[in-house]
Protein backbone atom coordinates (compact mmCIF):
# COMPACT_ATOMS: atom_id res chain seq x y z
CA MET A 1 65.28 -45.76 191.25
CA PRO A 2 62.93 -42.80 190.30
CA MET A 3 65.66 -41.59 188.53
CA SER A 4 67.68 -41.58 184.93
CA LEU A 5 70.64 -44.08 184.42
CA ASP A 6 72.53 -40.30 184.72
CA GLU A 7 70.66 -38.81 187.92
CA TYR A 8 71.54 -42.21 189.46
CA GLN A 9 75.48 -41.66 188.49
CA ILE A 10 75.34 -38.38 190.46
CA ALA A 11 73.22 -39.67 192.97
CA GLN A 12 75.46 -43.18 193.92
CA MET A 13 78.92 -40.66 194.35
CA TYR A 14 76.97 -38.16 196.01
CA MET A 15 75.44 -40.83 198.89
CA VAL A 16 79.00 -42.88 199.08
CA THR A 17 80.54 -39.83 199.83
CA LYS A 18 78.33 -38.61 202.18
CA MET A 19 77.22 -41.93 203.79
CA GLN A 20 81.20 -42.34 204.40
CA GLN A 21 81.96 -38.86 206.13
CA GLN A 22 78.91 -39.84 208.38
CA SER A 23 79.93 -43.14 209.54
CA THR A 24 83.35 -41.74 210.23
CA THR A 25 85.08 -41.55 213.80
CA ASP A 26 88.40 -41.46 215.42
CA THR A 27 88.37 -45.40 215.64
CA GLU A 28 85.85 -46.66 213.08
CA GLY A 29 84.54 -45.77 209.76
CA VAL A 30 86.10 -45.65 206.21
CA ASP A 31 89.98 -45.40 205.17
CA VAL A 32 90.10 -44.57 201.17
CA LEU A 33 93.94 -45.81 200.17
CA GLU A 34 93.63 -45.26 196.53
CA ASN A 35 90.87 -43.46 193.92
CA LYS A 36 92.32 -43.49 190.79
CA PRO A 37 91.25 -44.25 186.83
CA PHE A 38 91.79 -47.48 185.82
CA GLU A 39 91.25 -49.02 182.24
CA ASP A 40 90.91 -53.29 181.77
CA ASP A 41 89.81 -55.36 179.04
CA GLN A 42 86.75 -56.84 181.08
CA LEU A 43 85.25 -53.67 182.60
CA GLY A 44 86.99 -51.13 180.17
CA LYS A 45 87.83 -47.45 181.72
CA GLY A 46 86.29 -46.53 185.09
CA GLN A 47 87.33 -45.47 188.04
CA TYR A 48 89.19 -47.71 191.06
CA THR A 49 88.96 -47.42 194.59
CA SER A 50 90.45 -49.36 197.36
CA LYS A 51 89.02 -48.85 201.01
CA VAL A 52 89.69 -50.15 204.25
CA TYR A 53 86.08 -50.38 206.77
CA ARG A 54 86.58 -50.60 210.28
CA LEU A 55 83.28 -51.75 211.90
CA GLN A 56 84.38 -53.74 215.27
CA SER A 57 81.25 -52.37 216.85
CA LYS A 58 78.86 -53.83 214.47
CA ALA A 59 80.09 -57.28 215.04
CA PRO A 60 77.50 -59.98 215.54
CA SER A 61 77.78 -60.74 219.24
CA TRP A 62 77.85 -64.67 218.08
CA LEU A 63 81.20 -63.18 216.55
CA THR A 64 82.56 -61.97 219.12
CA THR A 65 82.20 -65.02 221.16
CA PHE A 66 85.77 -66.91 218.72
CA ALA A 67 86.79 -64.17 217.01
CA PRO A 68 89.04 -60.76 218.31
CA ALA A 69 87.53 -57.01 217.95
CA ASP A 70 88.86 -56.58 214.88
CA ALA A 71 87.24 -59.61 212.90
CA LEU A 72 85.00 -56.74 211.13
CA VAL A 73 87.92 -55.18 209.36
CA LEU A 74 87.50 -54.84 206.21
CA GLN A 75 89.33 -54.70 202.88
CA GLU A 76 87.54 -53.59 199.72
CA GLU A 77 88.26 -53.33 196.34
CA ALA A 78 86.26 -51.48 193.29
CA TRP A 79 86.04 -51.38 189.91
CA ASN A 80 83.40 -48.63 188.81
CA ALA A 81 83.14 -48.66 185.15
CA TYR A 82 79.38 -47.19 185.17
CA PRO A 83 77.29 -49.01 183.49
CA ARG A 84 78.99 -51.66 184.93
CA CYS A 85 80.85 -51.77 188.34
CA LYS A 86 82.59 -54.73 190.12
CA THR A 87 83.15 -54.58 194.47
CA VAL A 88 85.35 -57.23 196.29
CA ILE A 89 85.21 -57.51 199.81
CA LYS A 90 88.12 -59.21 202.24
CA CYS A 91 88.44 -59.53 205.95
CA PRO A 92 91.99 -60.40 206.61
CA TYR A 93 91.14 -62.37 210.04
CA PHE A 94 89.02 -64.82 207.92
CA THR A 95 91.71 -64.76 205.23
CA LYS A 96 89.61 -67.47 203.01
CA PHE A 97 86.90 -65.74 203.34
CA SER A 98 85.23 -63.52 200.09
CA LEU A 99 82.16 -61.04 199.01
CA THR A 100 81.57 -60.41 195.49
CA VAL A 101 79.71 -57.91 194.14
CA GLU A 102 78.86 -57.20 190.70
CA THR A 103 76.52 -54.55 189.33
CA VAL A 104 74.70 -53.94 186.02
CA HIS A 105 72.44 -50.88 185.63
CA LYS A 106 69.61 -50.68 183.15
CA ALA A 107 66.98 -47.87 182.71
CA ASP A 108 63.96 -50.39 183.57
CA ASN A 109 61.47 -51.40 185.99
CA GLY A 110 63.08 -54.53 187.07
CA GLN A 111 62.01 -56.74 184.47
CA SER A 112 65.27 -57.46 182.84
CA GLU A 113 66.53 -61.51 182.93
CA ASN A 114 69.64 -62.46 183.16
CA VAL A 115 71.44 -59.57 182.98
CA HIS A 116 74.69 -61.35 184.05
CA CYS A 117 74.59 -63.48 181.36
CA LEU A 118 74.78 -66.22 183.78
CA ASN A 119 75.38 -69.89 182.63
CA LYS A 120 72.47 -72.76 183.66
CA GLN A 121 74.21 -74.32 186.18
CA GLN A 122 74.70 -70.40 188.26
CA LEU A 123 71.54 -69.66 187.05
CA ALA A 124 70.01 -73.23 188.73
CA ALA A 125 72.09 -71.46 191.71
CA ARG A 126 71.19 -68.35 192.17
CA GLN A 127 68.25 -67.03 194.47
CA VAL A 128 66.37 -63.80 193.43
CA GLU A 129 65.53 -61.06 195.32
CA ILE A 130 63.71 -57.60 194.24
CA ILE A 131 64.25 -54.71 196.85
CA ASP A 132 61.89 -52.39 196.65
CA LEU A 133 63.24 -48.97 197.82
CA ALA A 134 60.24 -48.02 199.38
CA SER A 135 60.27 -50.95 202.28
CA ALA A 136 60.17 -49.76 205.81
CA ALA A 137 60.81 -53.73 206.90
CA THR A 138 63.50 -53.53 209.31
CA ASP A 139 65.99 -56.28 211.08
CA TYR A 140 69.28 -57.00 212.61
CA TRP A 141 71.35 -55.29 209.85
CA SER A 142 69.12 -52.32 209.02
CA TYR A 143 69.45 -51.25 212.96
CA ILE A 144 73.06 -51.64 212.83
CA ILE A 145 73.62 -49.82 209.63
CA GLY A 146 70.94 -47.37 211.09
CA GLY A 147 68.59 -45.11 208.34
CA SER A 148 67.01 -41.43 207.96
CA GLY A 149 63.64 -43.06 208.61
CA VAL A 150 62.21 -41.06 205.56
CA ASP A 151 58.24 -42.81 205.27
CA PHE A 152 58.69 -42.77 200.85
CA SER A 153 54.95 -43.27 201.21
CA LYS A 154 54.86 -39.36 201.98
CA PHE A 155 58.19 -37.95 201.23
CA LYS A 156 58.54 -35.68 197.61
CA SER A 157 61.00 -34.29 195.74
CA ALA A 158 61.02 -30.38 196.32
CA LYS A 159 62.96 -29.73 193.12
CA THR A 160 61.74 -32.95 190.64
CA GLY A 161 58.25 -33.15 191.92
CA ARG A 162 58.96 -37.01 192.52
CA GLY A 163 57.40 -39.29 194.83
CA PRO A 164 55.77 -40.31 196.82
CA LEU A 165 56.28 -43.56 196.10
CA LEU A 166 53.26 -45.63 196.79
CA GLU A 167 52.11 -48.95 195.69
CA GLY A 168 53.05 -50.03 192.59
CA TRP A 169 55.00 -47.19 191.93
CA GLN A 170 57.75 -48.50 189.70
CA GLY A 171 55.59 -49.83 186.96
CA LYS A 172 54.00 -45.96 187.03
CA CYS A 173 57.40 -43.65 187.59
CA ASN A 174 59.18 -42.00 184.72
CA PRO A 175 62.15 -41.90 184.53
CA VAL A 176 63.10 -45.48 186.64
CA MET A 177 66.17 -47.57 186.64
CA THR A 178 67.70 -50.60 188.38
CA ALA A 179 70.66 -51.67 189.74
CA TYR A 180 71.09 -55.67 189.18
CA LYS A 181 73.32 -56.83 191.98
CA LEU A 182 75.01 -60.15 191.98
CA VAL A 183 75.62 -61.22 195.35
CA THR A 184 78.68 -64.04 195.61
CA VAL A 185 79.83 -64.97 198.80
CA ASP A 186 82.51 -67.75 199.45
CA ALA A 187 82.72 -68.54 203.38
CA PRO A 188 84.68 -72.04 203.63
CA TYR A 189 84.76 -72.68 207.34
CA TRP A 190 83.45 -75.81 209.43
CA GLY A 191 80.99 -74.91 211.63
CA PHE A 192 80.57 -71.31 211.09
CA GLY A 193 80.78 -70.42 207.70
CA TYR A 194 77.52 -70.88 206.43
CA ARG A 195 76.37 -68.72 209.47
CA LEU A 196 78.95 -66.16 208.39
CA GLU A 197 77.38 -65.91 204.69
CA GLN A 198 74.30 -65.51 205.88
CA ALA A 199 75.08 -62.42 207.88
CA MET A 200 77.01 -61.14 205.45
CA LEU A 201 74.44 -61.71 202.69
CA ALA A 202 71.67 -59.45 204.91
CA GLY A 203 74.15 -56.79 205.88
CA GLU A 204 75.12 -56.34 202.05
CA ARG A 205 71.11 -56.24 201.78
CA ALA A 206 70.56 -53.87 204.60
CA LEU A 207 73.27 -51.76 203.25
CA PHE A 208 71.28 -52.18 199.74
CA ILE A 209 68.51 -51.28 201.32
CA GLU A 210 69.88 -47.91 203.05
CA SER A 211 71.84 -46.29 200.77
CA HIS A 212 69.55 -46.29 197.68
CA ARG A 213 66.64 -45.18 200.24
CA ASN A 214 69.46 -41.97 200.68
CA CYS A 215 69.65 -41.71 197.02
CA PHE A 216 66.25 -40.99 196.77
CA SER A 217 65.93 -38.98 199.77
CA TRP A 218 69.05 -36.83 199.17
CA ILE A 219 67.53 -35.60 195.68
CA ASP A 220 67.65 -31.82 196.45
CA GLU A 221 71.06 -32.17 197.93
CA TRP A 222 72.52 -33.51 194.61
CA PHE A 223 69.95 -32.95 191.76
CA GLY A 224 71.66 -30.43 189.50
CA MET A 225 75.14 -31.21 190.15
CA THR A 226 77.63 -32.02 187.51
CA MET A 227 79.81 -35.46 187.71
CA GLN A 228 82.50 -32.74 188.22
CA GLN A 229 80.78 -30.59 191.07
CA VAL A 230 80.26 -34.72 192.82
CA ARG A 231 84.07 -35.69 191.98
CA GLU A 232 85.51 -32.14 193.97
CA LEU A 233 83.11 -32.95 196.33
CA GLU A 234 84.47 -36.29 196.96
CA GLN A 235 88.39 -35.24 196.61
CA GLN A 236 87.90 -33.14 199.52
CA LYS A 237 86.83 -35.80 201.50
CA ASN A 238 89.54 -37.94 200.29
CA ASN A 239 91.86 -35.29 201.21
CA LEU A 240 90.75 -34.96 205.15
CA ASP A 241 90.60 -38.79 205.14
CA VAL A 242 93.65 -40.65 203.23
CA ARG A 243 95.85 -42.80 204.69
CA PHE A 244 97.28 -46.05 205.01
CA ALA A 245 95.83 -48.56 207.45
CA VAL A 246 98.81 -50.87 208.67
CA ASP A 247 98.74 -53.47 211.14
CA ASP A 248 101.05 -56.30 212.37
CA GLU A 249 101.36 -58.09 209.42
CA ASN A 250 99.30 -56.41 206.94
CA ILE A 251 98.86 -53.09 204.70
CA TYR A 252 96.11 -52.15 202.95
CA ASN A 253 97.44 -51.23 199.83
CA VAL A 254 96.36 -53.28 197.36
CA ARG A 255 96.91 -53.01 193.66
CA PRO A 256 93.90 -53.59 191.13
CA GLN A 257 93.90 -56.66 189.54
CA LEU A 258 90.65 -58.08 187.95
CA THR A 259 90.13 -61.77 187.95
CA SER A 260 87.74 -63.20 185.52
CA GLU A 261 86.42 -66.18 187.36
CA ARG A 262 83.14 -66.67 188.54
CA GLN A 263 82.02 -68.55 191.61
CA PRO A 264 78.63 -70.32 192.59
CA LEU A 265 76.20 -67.45 192.87
CA PRO A 266 73.76 -67.76 195.53
CA LEU A 267 72.10 -63.92 195.54
CA ASP A 268 71.06 -61.86 192.54
CA THR A 269 69.54 -58.66 194.11
CA ARG A 270 67.47 -56.01 191.74
CA ILE A 271 66.91 -52.96 193.37
CA ILE A 272 63.72 -51.52 191.50
CA ASN A 273 64.13 -47.60 192.57
């Protein structure tokens, strides 16, 4: 990202709050169940959130042929101890499915190696993908998630003067930072597990791209805000939207509990923004 680590922390919180607000309707969107401080031996101190995502209309057609409309109701737990964060996503319908995203933010242009301290077996299993913030590539998931359509080769921030982002901008930008995201997907289902894994990886990739594009394209909205101001904005949103989501068998109110277990690691994504 063409911003400092401190700036990105503000930008990310602002982006999450605004994107949740934009995507929430009467029947779909994001329900915030918990949002509170936490302290953990692994990550330290930070903010814990528990959310439910209702994304029924975004399910791929092949999934709806054998799964009900609520198959894309997802539970998310997140532990934000910036500059380190961990997110775990589960699906009540596919009880064995899990997606974990571990993020390390560093003030560099994406050249750091093994920031997640993986062992030899994990390094051999991972796939590395570098995502360029200015990329205009699209696919099914980028269409489903939507986008602002900002052309970063022409975009320039009025408040900071940053931009446009031309070819090779990562090596010329100051300040600059990178989000190193380690994505682990586990879908042990015979016959369609691999397809589900690939769909979720593609969905996460599209979400990474669009959310970070928003971080930069909205820079003139959040630049100059304090952490307290962003927290107040976030709380205003949560006060309007906090509710417990209950179905016939599940109450989505999961208490924060971290585990130290690591699973095979298929994707190491570097968002050089």
